[in-house]
Amino acid sequence: MAERILAVAESFGAGIIAMATHGRVGPERWFLGSIADQIVRGSSTPVLLMRPGADGEAAHSSIDHVILPLDGSHLAEVGLPYATVLAQRLHVPMTLVRTVDPTALMSGSDSLGDGPSPELYDLLESDAKEYLEGMASSMRNSGIETYQASGLRPPVGEIIDRAHSTGHALVVMSTHGRSGLGRTVLGSVTDRVIRSSEAPVLVVRPADDMVDEGDGQ
């Protein structure tokens, strides 16, 4: 079934594939059906994933905010054109998210040391803010009301909380990397957001030549 859907999308030159997630794992964690999972990981067409509403009802159809997580890499910025067009066409604001994950920094530090210094945290947070300001300035020049979200926090929690607090939000994210014969491997952050967020997520795959350059996480 997944191969058939991908073939049809390619033959029609589809701009998007829309699918629903299915069921729960734990109190707030959604899982993808096997077909949706195969499509997300193998599609060169952007895939929109929507969580079913209560009792299997349709998820909300309106979008009043676009959230674009970024990590400073060109791979993450693949979602930028899609987020920009959606925000412009729907006349909604956009929030750009880039956080510094203290747990990730600690896991990569010397187990015998004291971990990263406060100065390093300050430097990374300042870099994140400067990067977001440059991106936000470009968005505002395009007529989009743009906000920024940065700080010392794991990105998944920040993305999910932002989506929840802004109402009917849409999260736009890219995948990172490949596996086997060109199959996309979801970045860990993208995968966790898909499986934990109540908001719909538009997943965009980078072009193969970008992945071959080794950019991003």
N, C-alpha and C. Protein backbone atom coordinates (compact mmCIF):
# COMPACT_ATOMS: atom_id res chain seq x y z
N MET A 1 0.82 -1.21 0.00
CA MET A 1 0.00 0.00 0.00
C MET A 1 0.86 1.27 0.00
N ALA A 2 1.90 1.28 0.85
CA ALA A 2 2.75 2.47 0.93
C ALA A 2 3.42 2.74 -0.42
N GLU A 3 3.93 1.67 -1.06
CA GLU A 3 4.58 1.84 -2.35
C GLU A 3 3.61 2.37 -3.40
N ARG A 4 2.36 1.92 -3.33
CA ARG A 4 1.34 2.36 -4.27
C ARG A 4 1.04 3.85 -4.07
N ILE A 5 0.92 4.26 -2.82
CA ILE A 5 0.64 5.67 -2.52
C ILE A 5 1.78 6.55 -3.01
N LEU A 6 3.02 6.13 -2.75
CA LEU A 6 4.18 6.89 -3.19
C LEU A 6 4.24 6.98 -4.71
N ALA A 7 3.90 5.88 -5.37
CA ALA A 7 3.92 5.86 -6.84
C ALA A 7 2.87 6.80 -7.41
N VAL A 8 1.67 6.79 -6.83
CA VAL A 8 0.60 7.68 -7.29
C VAL A 8 0.98 9.14 -7.07
N ALA A 9 1.54 9.43 -5.90
CA ALA A 9 1.95 10.81 -5.61
C ALA A 9 2.99 11.29 -6.62
N GLU A 10 3.92 10.41 -6.98
CA GLU A 10 4.94 10.79 -7.94
C GLU A 10 4.36 10.95 -9.33
N SER A 11 3.45 10.07 -9.72
CA SER A 11 2.89 10.13 -11.06
C SER A 11 2.05 11.38 -11.28
N PHE A 12 1.37 11.83 -10.23
CA PHE A 12 0.54 13.03 -10.34
C PHE A 12 1.32 14.30 -10.00
N GLY A 13 2.55 14.15 -9.60
CA GLY A 13 3.32 15.33 -9.18
C GLY A 13 2.69 16.00 -7.99
N ALA A 14 2.23 15.20 -7.04
CA ALA A 14 1.52 15.73 -5.87
C ALA A 14 2.39 16.68 -5.07
N GLY A 15 1.77 17.73 -4.56
CA GLY A 15 2.50 18.69 -3.74
C GLY A 15 2.56 18.30 -2.29
N ILE A 16 1.66 17.39 -1.88
CA ILE A 16 1.62 16.99 -0.48
C ILE A 16 0.87 15.66 -0.36
N ILE A 17 1.26 14.86 0.63
CA ILE A 17 0.53 13.65 1.00
C ILE A 17 0.00 13.86 2.41
N ALA A 18 -1.29 13.74 2.62
CA ALA A 18 -1.89 13.96 3.93
C ALA A 18 -2.34 12.63 4.53
N MET A 19 -1.94 12.37 5.77
CA MET A 19 -2.27 11.11 6.42
C MET A 19 -2.55 11.36 7.91
N ALA A 20 -3.20 10.40 8.54
CA ALA A 20 -3.47 10.47 9.97
C ALA A 20 -2.56 9.52 10.72
N THR A 21 -2.22 9.89 11.95
CA THR A 21 -1.54 8.96 12.84
C THR A 21 -2.61 8.06 13.44
N HIS A 22 -2.21 6.99 14.09
CA HIS A 22 -3.18 6.02 14.62
C HIS A 22 -2.83 5.61 16.04
N GLY A 23 -3.81 5.74 16.95
CA GLY A 23 -3.68 5.18 18.29
C GLY A 23 -2.71 5.89 19.20
N ARG A 24 -2.55 5.32 20.39
CA ARG A 24 -1.69 5.89 21.42
C ARG A 24 -0.71 4.85 21.94
N VAL A 25 0.43 5.33 22.40
CA VAL A 25 1.36 4.53 23.18
C VAL A 25 1.66 5.34 24.42
N GLY A 26 1.16 4.94 25.57
CA GLY A 26 1.32 5.75 26.77
C GLY A 26 0.28 6.84 26.81
N PRO A 27 0.36 7.72 27.84
CA PRO A 27 -0.69 8.73 28.06
C PRO A 27 -0.79 9.80 26.98
N GLU A 28 0.35 10.18 26.33
CA GLU A 28 0.29 11.29 25.38
C GLU A 28 1.11 11.02 24.12
N ARG A 29 1.49 9.79 23.90
CA ARG A 29 2.39 9.49 22.78
C ARG A 29 1.64 8.75 21.68
N TRP A 30 1.59 9.35 20.48
CA TRP A 30 0.89 8.76 19.34
C TRP A 30 1.86 7.96 18.50
N PHE A 31 1.37 6.90 17.87
CA PHE A 31 2.25 6.15 16.98
C PHE A 31 1.71 6.19 15.56
N LEU A 32 2.63 6.06 14.61
CA LEU A 32 2.26 6.02 13.21
C LEU A 32 1.85 4.61 12.82
N GLY A 33 0.83 4.50 12.00
CA GLY A 33 0.54 3.21 11.40
C GLY A 33 1.70 2.83 10.49
N SER A 34 1.85 1.56 10.18
CA SER A 34 2.99 1.11 9.40
C SER A 34 3.05 1.76 8.03
N ILE A 35 1.88 2.00 7.42
CA ILE A 35 1.86 2.61 6.09
C ILE A 35 2.33 4.06 6.17
N ALA A 36 1.80 4.80 7.15
CA ALA A 36 2.21 6.19 7.32
C ALA A 36 3.70 6.29 7.61
N ASP A 37 4.20 5.38 8.43
CA ASP A 37 5.62 5.39 8.78
C ASP A 37 6.48 5.17 7.54
N GLN A 38 6.10 4.23 6.70
CA GLN A 38 6.86 3.95 5.48
C GLN A 38 6.84 5.15 4.53
N ILE A 39 5.69 5.80 4.46
CA ILE A 39 5.57 6.94 3.55
C ILE A 39 6.40 8.12 4.05
N VAL A 40 6.34 8.40 5.34
CA VAL A 40 7.13 9.50 5.89
C VAL A 40 8.62 9.29 5.65
N ARG A 41 9.05 8.04 5.80
CA ARG A 41 10.48 7.75 5.69
C ARG A 41 10.95 7.57 4.24
N GLY A 42 10.03 7.36 3.32
CA GLY A 42 10.43 7.10 1.95
C GLY A 42 9.99 8.12 0.93
N SER A 43 9.18 9.12 1.35
CA SER A 43 8.60 10.03 0.38
C SER A 43 9.48 11.25 0.11
N SER A 44 9.59 11.60 -1.17
CA SER A 44 10.23 12.86 -1.53
C SER A 44 9.22 14.00 -1.56
N THR A 45 7.94 13.65 -1.43
CA THR A 45 6.86 14.63 -1.35
C THR A 45 6.61 14.96 0.12
N PRO A 46 6.40 16.23 0.47
CA PRO A 46 6.09 16.58 1.86
C PRO A 46 4.88 15.80 2.36
N VAL A 47 4.94 15.35 3.60
CA VAL A 47 3.87 14.55 4.19
C VAL A 47 3.27 15.30 5.38
N LEU A 48 1.95 15.49 5.34
CA LEU A 48 1.24 16.14 6.44
C LEU A 48 0.62 15.06 7.32
N LEU A 49 1.02 15.02 8.58
CA LEU A 49 0.51 14.04 9.53
C LEU A 49 -0.41 14.73 10.53
N MET A 50 -1.61 14.17 10.70
CA MET A 50 -2.61 14.76 11.58
C MET A 50 -3.04 13.76 12.63
N ARG A 51 -3.09 14.18 13.86
CA ARG A 51 -3.54 13.32 14.96
C ARG A 51 -5.06 13.29 14.99
N PRO A 52 -5.66 12.12 15.09
CA PRO A 52 -7.13 12.05 15.20
C PRO A 52 -7.60 12.76 16.45
N GLY A 53 -8.80 13.33 16.40
CA GLY A 53 -9.38 13.97 17.56
C GLY A 53 -9.92 12.94 18.53
N ALA A 54 -10.57 13.40 19.56
CA ALA A 54 -11.14 12.51 20.56
C ALA A 54 -12.17 11.58 19.92
N ASP A 55 -12.15 10.32 20.34
CA ASP A 55 -13.09 9.32 19.85
C ASP A 55 -13.03 9.14 18.33
N GLY A 56 -11.84 9.39 17.77
CA GLY A 56 -11.66 9.19 16.34
C GLY A 56 -12.20 10.31 15.48
N GLU A 57 -12.60 11.41 16.10
CA GLU A 57 -13.12 12.54 15.32
C GLU A 57 -11.99 13.18 14.51
N ALA A 58 -12.37 13.89 13.48
CA ALA A 58 -11.38 14.56 12.66
C ALA A 58 -10.67 15.64 13.46
N ALA A 59 -9.37 15.80 13.19
CA ALA A 59 -8.62 16.86 13.85
C ALA A 59 -9.08 18.22 13.33
N HIS A 60 -8.74 19.28 14.07
CA HIS A 60 -9.16 20.61 13.65
C HIS A 60 -8.60 20.93 12.26
N SER A 61 -9.40 21.59 11.45
CA SER A 61 -9.01 21.87 10.07
C SER A 61 -8.45 23.27 9.89
N SER A 62 -8.55 24.12 10.90
CA SER A 62 -8.05 25.49 10.77
C SER A 62 -6.63 25.57 11.30
N ILE A 63 -5.87 26.51 10.75
CA ILE A 63 -4.50 26.76 11.18
C ILE A 63 -4.37 28.25 11.47
N ASP A 64 -3.95 28.59 12.69
CA ASP A 64 -3.80 30.00 13.01
C ASP A 64 -2.36 30.37 13.39
N HIS A 65 -1.44 29.43 13.21
CA HIS A 65 -0.04 29.71 13.54
C HIS A 65 0.83 28.65 12.88
N VAL A 66 2.00 29.06 12.41
CA VAL A 66 2.98 28.13 11.84
C VAL A 66 4.22 28.14 12.73
N ILE A 67 4.70 26.95 13.09
CA ILE A 67 5.89 26.83 13.92
C ILE A 67 6.97 26.12 13.12
N LEU A 68 8.15 26.75 13.05
CA LEU A 68 9.26 26.21 12.27
C LEU A 68 10.47 25.99 13.17
N PRO A 69 10.74 24.75 13.57
CA PRO A 69 11.95 24.46 14.34
C PRO A 69 13.19 24.52 13.45
N LEU A 70 14.26 25.10 13.95
CA LEU A 70 15.51 25.21 13.21
C LEU A 70 16.67 24.83 14.12
N ASP A 71 17.78 24.38 13.52
CA ASP A 71 18.96 24.06 14.32
C ASP A 71 20.22 24.72 13.77
N GLY A 72 20.04 25.64 12.82
CA GLY A 72 21.19 26.33 12.24
C GLY A 72 21.75 25.66 11.01
N SER A 73 21.21 24.50 10.63
CA SER A 73 21.73 23.78 9.46
C SER A 73 20.87 24.05 8.23
N HIS A 74 21.47 23.82 7.06
CA HIS A 74 20.72 23.97 5.81
C HIS A 74 19.64 22.90 5.69
N LEU A 75 19.88 21.74 6.26
CA LEU A 75 18.88 20.67 6.20
C LEU A 75 17.61 21.09 6.94
N ALA A 76 17.76 21.69 8.10
CA ALA A 76 16.58 22.12 8.85
C ALA A 76 15.85 23.24 8.13
N GLU A 77 16.59 24.06 7.36
CA GLU A 77 15.98 25.18 6.66
C GLU A 77 15.20 24.75 5.42
N VAL A 78 15.22 23.45 5.09
CA VAL A 78 14.46 22.95 3.95
C VAL A 78 12.97 23.23 4.14
N GLY A 79 12.51 23.25 5.39
CA GLY A 79 11.10 23.52 5.65
C GLY A 79 10.72 24.97 5.54
N LEU A 80 11.71 25.86 5.45
CA LEU A 80 11.45 27.30 5.45
C LEU A 80 10.54 27.77 4.31
N PRO A 81 10.79 27.37 3.05
CA PRO A 81 9.89 27.84 1.97
C PRO A 81 8.44 27.40 2.17
N TYR A 82 8.24 26.19 2.68
CA TYR A 82 6.87 25.70 2.91
C TYR A 82 6.20 26.48 4.04
N ALA A 83 6.94 26.70 5.11
CA ALA A 83 6.39 27.47 6.23
C ALA A 83 6.07 28.90 5.80
N THR A 84 6.94 29.47 4.97
CA THR A 84 6.73 30.85 4.51
C THR A 84 5.47 30.97 3.65
N VAL A 85 5.33 30.06 2.68
CA VAL A 85 4.15 30.10 1.81
C VAL A 85 2.87 29.90 2.60
N LEU A 86 2.88 28.96 3.53
CA LEU A 86 1.69 28.71 4.34
C LEU A 86 1.32 29.92 5.18
N ALA A 87 2.31 30.53 5.83
CA ALA A 87 2.03 31.70 6.66
C ALA A 87 1.50 32.86 5.82
N GLN A 88 2.04 33.03 4.61
CA GLN A 88 1.58 34.10 3.73
C GLN A 88 0.18 33.83 3.21
N ARG A 89 -0.06 32.62 2.72
CA ARG A 89 -1.35 32.30 2.12
C ARG A 89 -2.48 32.28 3.17
N LEU A 90 -2.15 31.82 4.38
CA LEU A 90 -3.16 31.73 5.43
C LEU A 90 -3.25 32.99 6.28
N HIS A 91 -2.32 33.92 6.05
CA HIS A 91 -2.29 35.18 6.80
C HIS A 91 -2.21 34.92 8.30
N VAL A 92 -1.25 34.07 8.68
CA VAL A 92 -1.06 33.73 10.09
C VAL A 92 0.39 34.01 10.47
N PRO A 93 0.66 34.21 11.77
CA PRO A 93 2.04 34.45 12.22
C PRO A 93 2.86 33.17 12.23
N MET A 94 4.17 33.34 12.36
CA MET A 94 5.10 32.22 12.41
C MET A 94 6.02 32.38 13.62
N THR A 95 6.32 31.26 14.27
CA THR A 95 7.30 31.26 15.35
C THR A 95 8.47 30.38 14.94
N LEU A 96 9.67 30.95 15.00
CA LEU A 96 10.90 30.22 14.72
C LEU A 96 11.48 29.73 16.04
N VAL A 97 11.81 28.45 16.10
CA VAL A 97 12.28 27.85 17.35
C VAL A 97 13.69 27.30 17.18
N ARG A 98 14.58 27.73 18.07
CA ARG A 98 15.91 27.11 18.15
C ARG A 98 16.36 27.19 19.61
N THR A 99 16.52 26.05 20.24
CA THR A 99 16.92 26.01 21.64
C THR A 99 18.27 25.33 21.80
N VAL A 100 18.87 25.54 22.96
CA VAL A 100 20.11 24.86 23.32
C VAL A 100 19.75 23.78 24.33
N ASP A 101 20.01 22.53 23.97
CA ASP A 101 19.62 21.40 24.81
C ASP A 101 20.71 21.12 25.84
N PRO A 102 20.50 21.48 27.10
CA PRO A 102 21.54 21.26 28.11
C PRO A 102 21.82 19.78 28.36
N THR A 103 20.81 18.93 28.20
CA THR A 103 21.03 17.50 28.42
C THR A 103 21.93 16.91 27.35
N ALA A 104 21.80 17.41 26.12
CA ALA A 104 22.66 16.93 25.04
C ALA A 104 24.11 17.35 25.27
N LEU A 105 24.29 18.56 25.78
CA LEU A 105 25.64 19.03 26.07
C LEU A 105 26.27 18.23 27.21
N MET A 106 25.47 17.92 28.21
CA MET A 106 25.98 17.14 29.33
C MET A 106 26.37 15.73 28.91
N SER A 107 25.57 15.13 28.01
CA SER A 107 25.85 13.76 27.59
C SER A 107 27.14 13.66 26.80
N GLY A 108 27.54 14.79 26.19
CA GLY A 108 28.77 14.76 25.41
C GLY A 108 29.98 15.27 26.17
N SER A 109 29.82 15.57 27.46
CA SER A 109 30.92 16.12 28.24
C SER A 109 31.71 15.01 28.92
N ASP A 110 32.86 15.35 29.43
CA ASP A 110 33.72 14.40 30.13
C ASP A 110 33.04 13.95 31.42
N SER A 111 32.88 12.64 31.58
CA SER A 111 32.18 12.13 32.76
C SER A 111 32.91 12.46 34.04
N LEU A 112 34.22 12.77 33.95
CA LEU A 112 34.99 13.11 35.14
C LEU A 112 35.03 14.60 35.38
N GLY A 113 34.52 15.36 34.43
CA GLY A 113 34.55 16.80 34.58
C GLY A 113 33.25 17.34 35.15
N ASP A 114 33.13 18.67 35.10
CA ASP A 114 31.95 19.34 35.64
C ASP A 114 30.93 19.68 34.56
N GLY A 115 31.17 19.22 33.34
CA GLY A 115 30.24 19.53 32.27
C GLY A 115 30.56 20.87 31.65
N PRO A 116 29.74 21.30 30.68
CA PRO A 116 29.96 22.58 30.00
C PRO A 116 29.94 23.75 30.97
N SER A 117 30.72 24.75 30.67
CA SER A 117 30.78 25.93 31.53
C SER A 117 29.60 26.85 31.25
N PRO A 118 29.25 27.72 32.22
CA PRO A 118 28.18 28.71 31.99
C PRO A 118 28.48 29.59 30.79
N GLU A 119 29.77 29.85 30.56
CA GLU A 119 30.14 30.69 29.43
C GLU A 119 29.77 30.03 28.11
N LEU A 120 29.92 28.70 28.04
CA LEU A 120 29.56 27.99 26.82
C LEU A 120 28.06 28.06 26.58
N TYR A 121 27.27 27.87 27.63
CA TYR A 121 25.82 27.98 27.51
C TYR A 121 25.44 29.36 26.99
N ASP A 122 26.06 30.40 27.57
CA ASP A 122 25.75 31.77 27.16
C ASP A 122 26.10 31.99 25.70
N LEU A 123 27.25 31.45 25.28
CA LEU A 123 27.69 31.62 23.89
C LEU A 123 26.74 30.93 22.93
N LEU A 124 26.33 29.70 23.26
CA LEU A 124 25.42 28.96 22.39
C LEU A 124 24.05 29.60 22.34
N GLU A 125 23.57 30.08 23.48
CA GLU A 125 22.26 30.73 23.49
C GLU A 125 22.30 32.04 22.71
N SER A 126 23.39 32.79 22.84
CA SER A 126 23.54 34.03 22.08
C SER A 126 23.58 33.75 20.59
N ASP A 127 24.28 32.69 20.20
CA ASP A 127 24.36 32.31 18.79
C ASP A 127 22.98 31.94 18.25
N ALA A 128 22.21 31.21 19.07
CA ALA A 128 20.86 30.81 18.65
C ALA A 128 19.97 32.03 18.44
N LYS A 129 20.05 32.99 19.36
CA LYS A 129 19.23 34.20 19.26
C LYS A 129 19.63 35.02 18.03
N GLU A 130 20.94 35.13 17.79
CA GLU A 130 21.40 35.90 16.63
C GLU A 130 20.94 35.25 15.33
N TYR A 131 21.03 33.93 15.27
CA TYR A 131 20.58 33.20 14.09
C TYR A 131 19.08 33.40 13.85
N LEU A 132 18.28 33.28 14.91
CA LEU A 132 16.84 33.44 14.78
C LEU A 132 16.48 34.86 14.38
N GLU A 133 17.20 35.83 14.90
CA GLU A 133 16.89 37.22 14.56
C GLU A 133 17.12 37.48 13.08
N GLY A 134 18.19 36.91 12.54
CA GLY A 134 18.44 37.06 11.11
C GLY A 134 17.35 36.42 10.27
N MET A 135 16.90 35.23 10.67
CA MET A 135 15.83 34.55 9.95
C MET A 135 14.51 35.31 10.09
N ALA A 136 14.23 35.79 11.31
CA ALA A 136 12.98 36.49 11.57
C ALA A 136 12.91 37.80 10.79
N SER A 137 14.05 38.47 10.66
CA SER A 137 14.09 39.73 9.92
C SER A 137 13.70 39.50 8.46
N SER A 138 14.18 38.41 7.89
CA SER A 138 13.83 38.08 6.50
C SER A 138 12.34 37.78 6.37
N MET A 139 11.77 37.08 7.35
CA MET A 139 10.35 36.75 7.32
C MET A 139 9.50 38.02 7.43
N ARG A 140 9.90 38.92 8.30
CA ARG A 140 9.14 40.16 8.48
C ARG A 140 9.18 41.00 7.21
N ASN A 141 10.33 40.97 6.51
CA ASN A 141 10.43 41.69 5.24
C ASN A 141 9.49 41.10 4.19
N SER A 142 9.09 39.84 4.40
CA SER A 142 8.14 39.19 3.50
C SER A 142 6.70 39.42 3.94
N GLY A 143 6.53 40.23 4.98
CA GLY A 143 5.19 40.56 5.45
C GLY A 143 4.61 39.59 6.45
N ILE A 144 5.43 38.71 7.01
CA ILE A 144 4.95 37.72 7.96
C ILE A 144 5.21 38.18 9.39
N GLU A 145 4.20 38.17 10.20
CA GLU A 145 4.38 38.46 11.63
C GLU A 145 5.16 37.30 12.24
N THR A 146 6.35 37.59 12.74
CA THR A 146 7.27 36.52 13.14
C THR A 146 7.74 36.68 14.58
N TYR A 147 7.77 35.56 15.28
CA TYR A 147 8.24 35.52 16.66
C TYR A 147 9.42 34.56 16.75
N GLN A 148 10.15 34.65 17.87
CA GLN A 148 11.31 33.79 18.08
C GLN A 148 11.20 33.10 19.44
N ALA A 149 11.66 31.86 19.49
CA ALA A 149 11.69 31.11 20.74
C ALA A 149 13.04 30.45 20.88
N SER A 150 13.80 30.86 21.89
CA SER A 150 15.12 30.27 22.13
C SER A 150 15.29 30.10 23.64
N GLY A 151 16.41 29.53 24.02
CA GLY A 151 16.67 29.33 25.44
C GLY A 151 17.33 27.99 25.70
N LEU A 152 17.55 27.71 26.99
CA LEU A 152 18.17 26.45 27.40
C LEU A 152 17.07 25.45 27.72
N ARG A 153 16.75 24.63 26.72
CA ARG A 153 15.69 23.65 26.90
C ARG A 153 15.75 22.63 25.78
N PRO A 154 15.45 21.35 26.07
CA PRO A 154 15.35 20.37 24.99
C PRO A 154 14.35 20.83 23.93
N PRO A 155 14.68 20.73 22.64
CA PRO A 155 13.83 21.29 21.59
C PRO A 155 12.45 20.65 21.49
N VAL A 156 12.34 19.35 21.75
CA VAL A 156 11.05 18.68 21.60
C VAL A 156 10.01 19.29 22.52
N GLY A 157 10.36 19.48 23.78
CA GLY A 157 9.42 20.08 24.73
C GLY A 157 9.02 21.49 24.33
N GLU A 158 9.99 22.26 23.85
CA GLU A 158 9.70 23.64 23.43
C GLU A 158 8.75 23.66 22.23
N ILE A 159 9.00 22.80 21.26
CA ILE A 159 8.15 22.75 20.06
C ILE A 159 6.73 22.35 20.42
N ILE A 160 6.59 21.30 21.21
CA ILE A 160 5.26 20.80 21.58
C ILE A 160 4.50 21.83 22.40
N ASP A 161 5.18 22.45 23.36
CA ASP A 161 4.51 23.45 24.20
C ASP A 161 4.09 24.66 23.39
N ARG A 162 4.95 25.08 22.46
CA ARG A 162 4.60 26.22 21.61
C ARG A 162 3.38 25.90 20.76
N ALA A 163 3.35 24.72 20.20
CA ALA A 163 2.21 24.32 19.37
C ALA A 163 0.93 24.29 20.18
N HIS A 164 1.03 23.80 21.41
CA HIS A 164 -0.15 23.73 22.27
C HIS A 164 -0.63 25.11 22.69
N SER A 165 0.30 26.00 23.02
CA SER A 165 -0.08 27.32 23.54
C SER A 165 -0.59 28.28 22.48
N THR A 166 -0.23 28.02 21.22
CA THR A 166 -0.65 28.93 20.16
C THR A 166 -1.97 28.52 19.51
N GLY A 167 -2.59 27.48 20.02
CA GLY A 167 -3.90 27.09 19.49
C GLY A 167 -3.79 26.12 18.34
N HIS A 168 -4.41 26.44 17.21
CA HIS A 168 -4.43 25.56 16.05
C HIS A 168 -3.17 25.77 15.21
N ALA A 169 -2.06 25.26 15.71
CA ALA A 169 -0.77 25.46 15.06
C ALA A 169 -0.44 24.33 14.11
N LEU A 170 0.42 24.62 13.15
CA LEU A 170 0.99 23.62 12.26
C LEU A 170 2.50 23.68 12.43
N VAL A 171 3.12 22.53 12.69
CA VAL A 171 4.57 22.45 12.82
C VAL A 171 5.16 21.99 11.49
N VAL A 172 6.15 22.71 10.99
CA VAL A 172 6.82 22.35 9.74
C VAL A 172 8.25 21.94 10.08
N MET A 173 8.64 20.69 9.74
CA MET A 173 9.96 20.20 10.09
C MET A 173 10.57 19.42 8.93
N SER A 174 11.90 19.38 8.89
CA SER A 174 12.58 18.58 7.88
C SER A 174 13.05 17.27 8.50
N THR A 175 13.29 16.27 7.64
CA THR A 175 13.97 15.06 8.06
C THR A 175 15.46 15.27 7.91
N HIS A 176 16.22 14.39 8.51
CA HIS A 176 17.68 14.49 8.42
C HIS A 176 18.26 13.15 8.00
N GLY A 177 19.11 13.15 6.98
CA GLY A 177 19.86 11.96 6.63
C GLY A 177 19.12 10.95 5.78
N ARG A 178 19.84 9.84 5.45
CA ARG A 178 19.27 8.76 4.65
C ARG A 178 19.71 7.41 5.21
N SER A 179 19.01 6.39 4.80
CA SER A 179 19.37 5.04 5.19
C SER A 179 19.11 4.11 4.02
N GLY A 180 20.05 3.22 3.73
CA GLY A 180 19.84 2.27 2.64
C GLY A 180 19.76 2.98 1.30
N LEU A 181 18.85 2.53 0.45
CA LEU A 181 18.75 3.05 -0.91
C LEU A 181 17.94 4.33 -0.96
N GLY A 182 18.49 5.39 -0.35
CA GLY A 182 17.84 6.68 -0.45
C GLY A 182 16.70 6.88 0.52
N ARG A 183 16.44 5.93 1.43
CA ARG A 183 15.33 6.08 2.36
C ARG A 183 15.69 7.12 3.42
N THR A 184 14.74 7.97 3.72
CA THR A 184 14.98 9.03 4.69
C THR A 184 14.98 8.48 6.11
N VAL A 185 15.92 8.96 6.91
CA VAL A 185 15.92 8.68 8.34
C VAL A 185 15.46 9.94 9.06
N LEU A 186 14.41 9.84 9.85
CA LEU A 186 13.95 11.01 10.57
C LEU A 186 14.97 11.42 11.62
N GLY A 187 15.20 12.71 11.76
CA GLY A 187 15.99 13.17 12.88
C GLY A 187 15.27 12.83 14.17
N SER A 188 16.02 12.67 15.25
CA SER A 188 15.40 12.26 16.52
C SER A 188 14.38 13.26 16.99
N VAL A 189 14.65 14.55 16.80
CA VAL A 189 13.70 15.59 17.23
C VAL A 189 12.42 15.50 16.41
N THR A 190 12.56 15.39 15.09
CA THR A 190 11.38 15.29 14.22
C THR A 190 10.53 14.08 14.58
N ASP A 191 11.18 12.95 14.77
CA ASP A 191 10.46 11.72 15.11
C ASP A 191 9.69 11.87 16.41
N ARG A 192 10.30 12.45 17.42
CA ARG A 192 9.65 12.60 18.72
C ARG A 192 8.51 13.60 18.67
N VAL A 193 8.67 14.66 17.88
CA VAL A 193 7.58 15.63 17.74
C VAL A 193 6.39 14.99 17.06
N ILE A 194 6.64 14.23 15.98
CA ILE A 194 5.56 13.56 15.27
C ILE A 194 4.77 12.67 16.21
N ARG A 195 5.48 11.95 17.07
CA ARG A 195 4.84 10.95 17.91
C ARG A 195 4.29 11.51 19.22
N SER A 196 4.57 12.75 19.53
CA SER A 196 4.12 13.30 20.82
C SER A 196 3.22 14.52 20.69
N SER A 197 3.26 15.21 19.56
CA SER A 197 2.52 16.45 19.42
C SER A 197 1.07 16.23 19.03
N GLU A 198 0.19 17.02 19.58
CA GLU A 198 -1.21 16.99 19.17
C GLU A 198 -1.44 17.82 17.92
N ALA A 199 -0.49 18.68 17.59
CA ALA A 199 -0.62 19.54 16.41
C ALA A 199 -0.24 18.76 15.16
N PRO A 200 -0.84 19.09 14.02
CA PRO A 200 -0.40 18.48 12.76
C PRO A 200 1.04 18.86 12.45
N VAL A 201 1.76 17.95 11.80
CA VAL A 201 3.16 18.18 11.47
C VAL A 201 3.37 17.95 9.97
N LEU A 202 3.95 18.93 9.30
CA LEU A 202 4.31 18.79 7.89
C LEU A 202 5.78 18.42 7.83
N VAL A 203 6.07 17.22 7.33
CA VAL A 203 7.44 16.71 7.28
C VAL A 203 7.98 16.87 5.86
N VAL A 204 9.12 17.55 5.74
CA VAL A 204 9.72 17.85 4.44
C VAL A 204 11.07 17.16 4.34
N ARG A 205 11.29 16.45 3.25
CA ARG A 205 12.56 15.74 3.06
C ARG A 205 13.55 16.59 2.26
N PRO A 206 14.79 16.71 2.73
CA PRO A 206 15.82 17.42 1.95
C PRO A 206 16.14 16.69 0.67
N ALA A 207 16.61 17.42 -0.32
CA ALA A 207 17.06 16.79 -1.57
C ALA A 207 18.27 15.92 -1.29
N ASP A 208 18.43 14.87 -2.07
CA ASP A 208 19.52 13.93 -1.84
C ASP A 208 20.90 14.58 -1.88
N ASP A 209 21.08 15.59 -2.76
CA ASP A 209 22.40 16.20 -2.86
C ASP A 209 22.74 17.00 -1.60
N MET A 210 21.71 17.52 -0.90
CA MET A 210 21.96 18.20 0.35
C MET A 210 22.40 17.21 1.42
N VAL A 211 21.76 16.05 1.44
CA VAL A 211 22.10 15.02 2.42
C VAL A 211 23.51 14.51 2.17
N ASP A 212 23.90 14.37 0.91
CA ASP A 212 25.22 13.87 0.57
C ASP A 212 26.32 14.80 1.05
N GLU A 213 25.99 16.08 1.22
CA GLU A 213 26.99 17.04 1.69
C GLU A 213 27.27 16.86 3.19
N GLY A 214 26.38 16.10 3.88
CA GLY A 214 26.61 15.82 5.28
C GLY A 214 26.26 16.97 6.20
N ASP A 215 25.41 17.89 5.75
CA ASP A 215 25.04 19.04 6.57
C ASP A 215 24.01 18.63 7.59
N GLY A 216 24.02 19.28 8.72
CA GLY A 216 22.96 19.08 9.72
C GLY A 216 23.33 18.03 10.73
N GLN A 217 22.29 17.68 11.56
CA GLN A 217 22.50 16.74 12.65
C GLN A 217 22.64 15.32 12.13
